[in-house]
Amino acid sequence: ESEVTKFFDVTAEDLRKGDFYYPEQNCYYCETVPAAGEYVDIDFVSAEENGETLTLHFTLSDLYYGTTSHSLTVKLLPEGGYNYVSYIAE
């Protein structure tokens, strides 16, 4: 939670309201693809900076989904670092 709240404008309480938090075990769990032992290739495509926002365009390639395009937008903070704004699978 401490690592997530560094980069995302969210509280630990907000995170715990999500579907992936299990209060009985005090943990988060999300079944995802690829699974352990599988690899995803990440290839940078381009970046756009617009004022205080930065958008990164990239592709992900794996055996399950093939190659897919994505973009990640963050707000650049004046003191350095960033906060998450959006993620789009195109």
N, C-alpha and C. Protein backbone atom coordinates (compact mmCIF):
# COMPACT_ATOMS: atom_id res chain seq x y z
N GLU A 1 0.82 -1.19 0.00
CA GLU A 1 0.00 0.00 0.00
C GLU A 1 0.86 1.26 0.00
N SER A 2 1.95 1.24 0.75
CA SER A 2 2.79 2.44 0.81
C SER A 2 3.41 2.74 -0.55
N GLU A 3 3.78 1.72 -1.30
CA GLU A 3 4.36 1.95 -2.63
C GLU A 3 3.30 2.47 -3.60
N VAL A 4 2.11 1.93 -3.55
CA VAL A 4 1.04 2.36 -4.46
C VAL A 4 0.66 3.81 -4.18
N THR A 5 0.54 4.18 -2.92
CA THR A 5 0.12 5.55 -2.59
C THR A 5 1.20 6.58 -2.92
N LYS A 6 2.43 6.15 -3.16
CA LYS A 6 3.48 7.08 -3.60
C LYS A 6 3.21 7.59 -5.01
N PHE A 7 2.62 6.75 -5.86
CA PHE A 7 2.47 7.06 -7.27
C PHE A 7 1.03 7.26 -7.72
N PHE A 8 0.08 6.86 -6.91
CA PHE A 8 -1.33 6.98 -7.25
C PHE A 8 -2.02 7.84 -6.20
N ASP A 9 -2.91 8.70 -6.65
CA ASP A 9 -3.64 9.58 -5.74
C ASP A 9 -4.80 8.79 -5.12
N VAL A 10 -4.44 7.89 -4.19
CA VAL A 10 -5.40 7.00 -3.56
C VAL A 10 -4.92 6.69 -2.15
N THR A 11 -5.87 6.44 -1.26
CA THR A 11 -5.51 6.08 0.12
C THR A 11 -5.54 4.57 0.29
N ALA A 12 -4.93 4.08 1.35
CA ALA A 12 -4.97 2.65 1.65
C ALA A 12 -6.42 2.20 1.88
N GLU A 13 -7.22 3.08 2.48
CA GLU A 13 -8.63 2.75 2.71
C GLU A 13 -9.36 2.56 1.39
N ASP A 14 -9.05 3.41 0.40
CA ASP A 14 -9.65 3.26 -0.93
C ASP A 14 -9.23 1.94 -1.57
N LEU A 15 -7.96 1.60 -1.46
CA LEU A 15 -7.47 0.35 -2.03
C LEU A 15 -8.19 -0.85 -1.42
N ARG A 16 -8.42 -0.80 -0.15
CA ARG A 16 -9.05 -1.93 0.55
C ARG A 16 -10.53 -2.10 0.19
N LYS A 17 -11.12 -1.11 -0.44
CA LYS A 17 -12.51 -1.22 -0.89
C LYS A 17 -12.62 -2.00 -2.19
N GLY A 18 -11.50 -2.26 -2.85
CA GLY A 18 -11.49 -2.93 -4.15
C GLY A 18 -11.72 -4.42 -4.05
N ASP A 19 -11.94 -5.02 -5.22
CA ASP A 19 -12.22 -6.45 -5.31
C ASP A 19 -11.02 -7.34 -5.02
N PHE A 20 -9.81 -6.78 -5.04
CA PHE A 20 -8.61 -7.60 -4.90
C PHE A 20 -8.08 -7.66 -3.47
N TYR A 21 -8.73 -6.97 -2.54
CA TYR A 21 -8.29 -6.98 -1.15
C TYR A 21 -9.07 -8.03 -0.37
N TYR A 22 -8.36 -8.84 0.40
CA TYR A 22 -8.97 -9.89 1.21
C TYR A 22 -8.68 -9.59 2.67
N PRO A 23 -9.65 -8.97 3.38
CA PRO A 23 -9.41 -8.54 4.76
C PRO A 23 -9.09 -9.68 5.72
N GLU A 24 -9.64 -10.87 5.47
CA GLU A 24 -9.36 -12.01 6.36
C GLU A 24 -7.88 -12.35 6.38
N GLN A 25 -7.23 -12.21 5.24
CA GLN A 25 -5.81 -12.51 5.13
C GLN A 25 -4.95 -11.24 5.15
N ASN A 26 -5.59 -10.07 5.14
CA ASN A 26 -4.89 -8.78 5.08
C ASN A 26 -3.91 -8.76 3.92
N CYS A 27 -4.43 -9.11 2.72
CA CYS A 27 -3.57 -9.15 1.54
C CYS A 27 -4.37 -8.83 0.29
N TYR A 28 -3.63 -8.62 -0.80
CA TYR A 28 -4.22 -8.39 -2.11
C TYR A 28 -3.89 -9.59 -2.99
N TYR A 29 -4.83 -9.97 -3.84
CA TYR A 29 -4.57 -11.07 -4.77
C TYR A 29 -5.31 -10.78 -6.07
N CYS A 30 -4.62 -10.93 -7.17
CA CYS A 30 -5.22 -10.74 -8.49
C CYS A 30 -4.65 -11.79 -9.42
N GLU A 31 -5.51 -12.66 -9.92
CA GLU A 31 -5.06 -13.66 -10.89
C GLU A 31 -4.94 -12.97 -12.24
N THR A 32 -3.76 -13.02 -12.83
CA THR A 32 -3.53 -12.33 -14.09
C THR A 32 -2.82 -13.21 -15.09
N VAL A 33 -2.83 -12.78 -16.32
CA VAL A 33 -2.05 -13.40 -17.39
C VAL A 33 -1.06 -12.35 -17.82
N PRO A 34 0.19 -12.61 -17.99
CA PRO A 34 0.82 -13.92 -17.88
C PRO A 34 1.00 -14.33 -16.42
N ALA A 35 1.15 -15.59 -16.22
CA ALA A 35 1.35 -16.13 -14.88
C ALA A 35 2.84 -16.20 -14.57
N ALA A 36 3.16 -16.65 -13.39
CA ALA A 36 4.56 -16.77 -12.97
C ALA A 36 5.33 -17.63 -13.96
N GLY A 37 6.50 -17.18 -14.32
CA GLY A 37 7.33 -17.93 -15.25
C GLY A 37 7.15 -17.53 -16.70
N GLU A 38 6.12 -16.73 -16.99
CA GLU A 38 5.91 -16.25 -18.35
C GLU A 38 6.51 -14.86 -18.51
N TYR A 39 6.82 -14.50 -19.73
CA TYR A 39 7.48 -13.23 -19.99
C TYR A 39 6.62 -12.35 -20.88
N VAL A 40 6.71 -11.06 -20.66
CA VAL A 40 6.07 -10.06 -21.51
C VAL A 40 7.16 -9.13 -22.02
N ASP A 41 7.20 -8.94 -23.33
CA ASP A 41 8.12 -7.97 -23.91
C ASP A 41 7.43 -6.61 -23.94
N ILE A 42 8.10 -5.59 -23.43
CA ILE A 42 7.59 -4.22 -23.44
C ILE A 42 8.46 -3.42 -24.40
N ASP A 43 7.84 -2.84 -25.41
CA ASP A 43 8.56 -2.04 -26.39
C ASP A 43 8.03 -0.62 -26.38
N PHE A 44 8.92 0.33 -26.14
CA PHE A 44 8.59 1.75 -26.14
C PHE A 44 8.29 2.18 -27.57
N VAL A 45 7.20 2.93 -27.76
CA VAL A 45 6.83 3.44 -29.08
C VAL A 45 7.09 4.94 -29.16
N SER A 46 6.52 5.72 -28.24
CA SER A 46 6.70 7.17 -28.26
C SER A 46 6.25 7.77 -26.93
N ALA A 47 6.54 9.06 -26.77
CA ALA A 47 6.12 9.80 -25.58
C ALA A 47 5.64 11.18 -25.99
N GLU A 48 4.64 11.67 -25.28
CA GLU A 48 4.12 13.02 -25.51
C GLU A 48 4.07 13.74 -24.18
N GLU A 49 4.68 14.92 -24.12
CA GLU A 49 4.60 15.74 -22.91
C GLU A 49 3.74 16.95 -23.24
N ASN A 50 2.73 17.19 -22.40
CA ASN A 50 1.82 18.30 -22.62
C ASN A 50 1.63 19.02 -21.28
N GLY A 51 2.40 20.07 -21.07
CA GLY A 51 2.33 20.77 -19.79
C GLY A 51 2.81 19.88 -18.67
N GLU A 52 1.91 19.59 -17.74
CA GLU A 52 2.30 18.77 -16.59
C GLU A 52 1.94 17.29 -16.76
N THR A 53 1.52 16.89 -17.96
CA THR A 53 1.23 15.47 -18.18
C THR A 53 2.21 14.86 -19.17
N LEU A 54 2.48 13.58 -18.97
CA LEU A 54 3.36 12.80 -19.84
C LEU A 54 2.60 11.53 -20.21
N THR A 55 2.50 11.25 -21.51
CA THR A 55 1.86 10.03 -21.98
C THR A 55 2.90 9.17 -22.68
N LEU A 56 3.02 7.93 -22.24
CA LEU A 56 3.93 6.95 -22.83
C LEU A 56 3.11 5.97 -23.66
N HIS A 57 3.53 5.73 -24.89
CA HIS A 57 2.89 4.75 -25.77
C HIS A 57 3.85 3.57 -25.91
N PHE A 58 3.31 2.37 -25.75
CA PHE A 58 4.15 1.17 -25.80
C PHE A 58 3.34 -0.03 -26.24
N THR A 59 4.04 -1.10 -26.62
CA THR A 59 3.38 -2.36 -26.94
C THR A 59 3.80 -3.41 -25.93
N LEU A 60 2.90 -4.34 -25.69
CA LEU A 60 3.18 -5.52 -24.87
C LEU A 60 3.02 -6.74 -25.77
N SER A 61 3.96 -7.68 -25.67
CA SER A 61 3.88 -8.91 -26.47
C SER A 61 4.08 -10.11 -25.55
N ASP A 62 3.12 -11.04 -25.64
CA ASP A 62 3.24 -12.29 -24.88
C ASP A 62 2.56 -13.41 -25.66
N LEU A 63 2.74 -14.63 -25.19
CA LEU A 63 2.19 -15.79 -25.89
C LEU A 63 0.67 -15.86 -25.82
N TYR A 64 0.07 -15.31 -24.78
CA TYR A 64 -1.37 -15.41 -24.58
C TYR A 64 -2.14 -14.41 -25.44
N TYR A 65 -1.75 -13.13 -25.40
CA TYR A 65 -2.47 -12.06 -26.10
C TYR A 65 -1.84 -11.64 -27.42
N GLY A 66 -0.61 -12.03 -27.69
CA GLY A 66 0.08 -11.53 -28.86
C GLY A 66 0.61 -10.13 -28.56
N THR A 67 0.60 -9.25 -29.56
CA THR A 67 1.09 -7.88 -29.37
C THR A 67 -0.09 -6.93 -29.28
N THR A 68 -0.11 -6.11 -28.24
CA THR A 68 -1.18 -5.15 -28.02
C THR A 68 -0.57 -3.78 -27.73
N SER A 69 -1.31 -2.73 -28.08
CA SER A 69 -0.85 -1.35 -27.88
C SER A 69 -1.48 -0.75 -26.63
N HIS A 70 -0.71 0.09 -25.94
CA HIS A 70 -1.16 0.67 -24.68
C HIS A 70 -0.63 2.09 -24.54
N SER A 71 -1.28 2.86 -23.67
CA SER A 71 -0.75 4.17 -23.30
C SER A 71 -0.96 4.40 -21.81
N LEU A 72 0.00 5.05 -21.21
CA LEU A 72 -0.01 5.36 -19.78
C LEU A 72 0.22 6.86 -19.64
N THR A 73 -0.69 7.53 -18.92
CA THR A 73 -0.55 8.97 -18.71
C THR A 73 -0.34 9.24 -17.23
N VAL A 74 0.64 10.08 -16.94
CA VAL A 74 0.95 10.47 -15.56
C VAL A 74 1.02 11.98 -15.47
N LYS A 75 0.76 12.49 -14.27
CA LYS A 75 0.92 13.92 -13.99
C LYS A 75 2.29 14.10 -13.36
N LEU A 76 3.10 14.96 -13.96
CA LEU A 76 4.44 15.23 -13.43
C LEU A 76 4.32 16.19 -12.26
N LEU A 77 4.96 15.85 -11.15
CA LEU A 77 4.87 16.67 -9.94
C LEU A 77 6.00 17.69 -9.91
N PRO A 78 5.73 18.90 -9.42
CA PRO A 78 6.76 19.94 -9.41
C PRO A 78 8.00 19.56 -8.60
N GLU A 79 7.83 18.76 -7.54
CA GLU A 79 8.96 18.37 -6.70
C GLU A 79 9.66 17.12 -7.22
N GLY A 80 9.23 16.66 -8.40
CA GLY A 80 9.78 15.44 -8.96
C GLY A 80 8.82 14.29 -8.75
N GLY A 81 8.94 13.29 -9.52
CA GLY A 81 8.04 12.15 -9.41
C GLY A 81 6.79 12.36 -10.25
N TYR A 82 5.80 11.52 -10.03
CA TYR A 82 4.59 11.57 -10.83
C TYR A 82 3.42 10.92 -10.08
N ASN A 83 2.21 11.19 -10.56
CA ASN A 83 0.99 10.53 -10.11
C ASN A 83 0.28 9.94 -11.31
N TYR A 84 -0.26 8.76 -11.15
CA TYR A 84 -1.02 8.07 -12.20
C TYR A 84 -2.24 8.89 -12.59
N VAL A 85 -2.54 8.98 -13.89
CA VAL A 85 -3.75 9.61 -14.40
C VAL A 85 -4.63 8.58 -15.10
N SER A 86 -4.07 7.86 -16.10
CA SER A 86 -4.88 6.88 -16.82
C SER A 86 -4.01 5.85 -17.52
N TYR A 87 -4.65 4.71 -17.82
CA TYR A 87 -4.02 3.65 -18.58
C TYR A 87 -5.05 3.17 -19.60
N ILE A 88 -4.66 3.07 -20.85
CA ILE A 88 -5.59 2.65 -21.90
C ILE A 88 -4.96 1.53 -22.71
N ALA A 89 -5.69 0.44 -22.82
CA ALA A 89 -5.31 -0.62 -23.76
C ALA A 89 -6.02 -0.28 -25.06
N GLU A 90 -5.26 0.06 -26.08
CA GLU A 90 -5.84 0.57 -27.34
C GLU A 90 -6.26 -0.53 -28.28
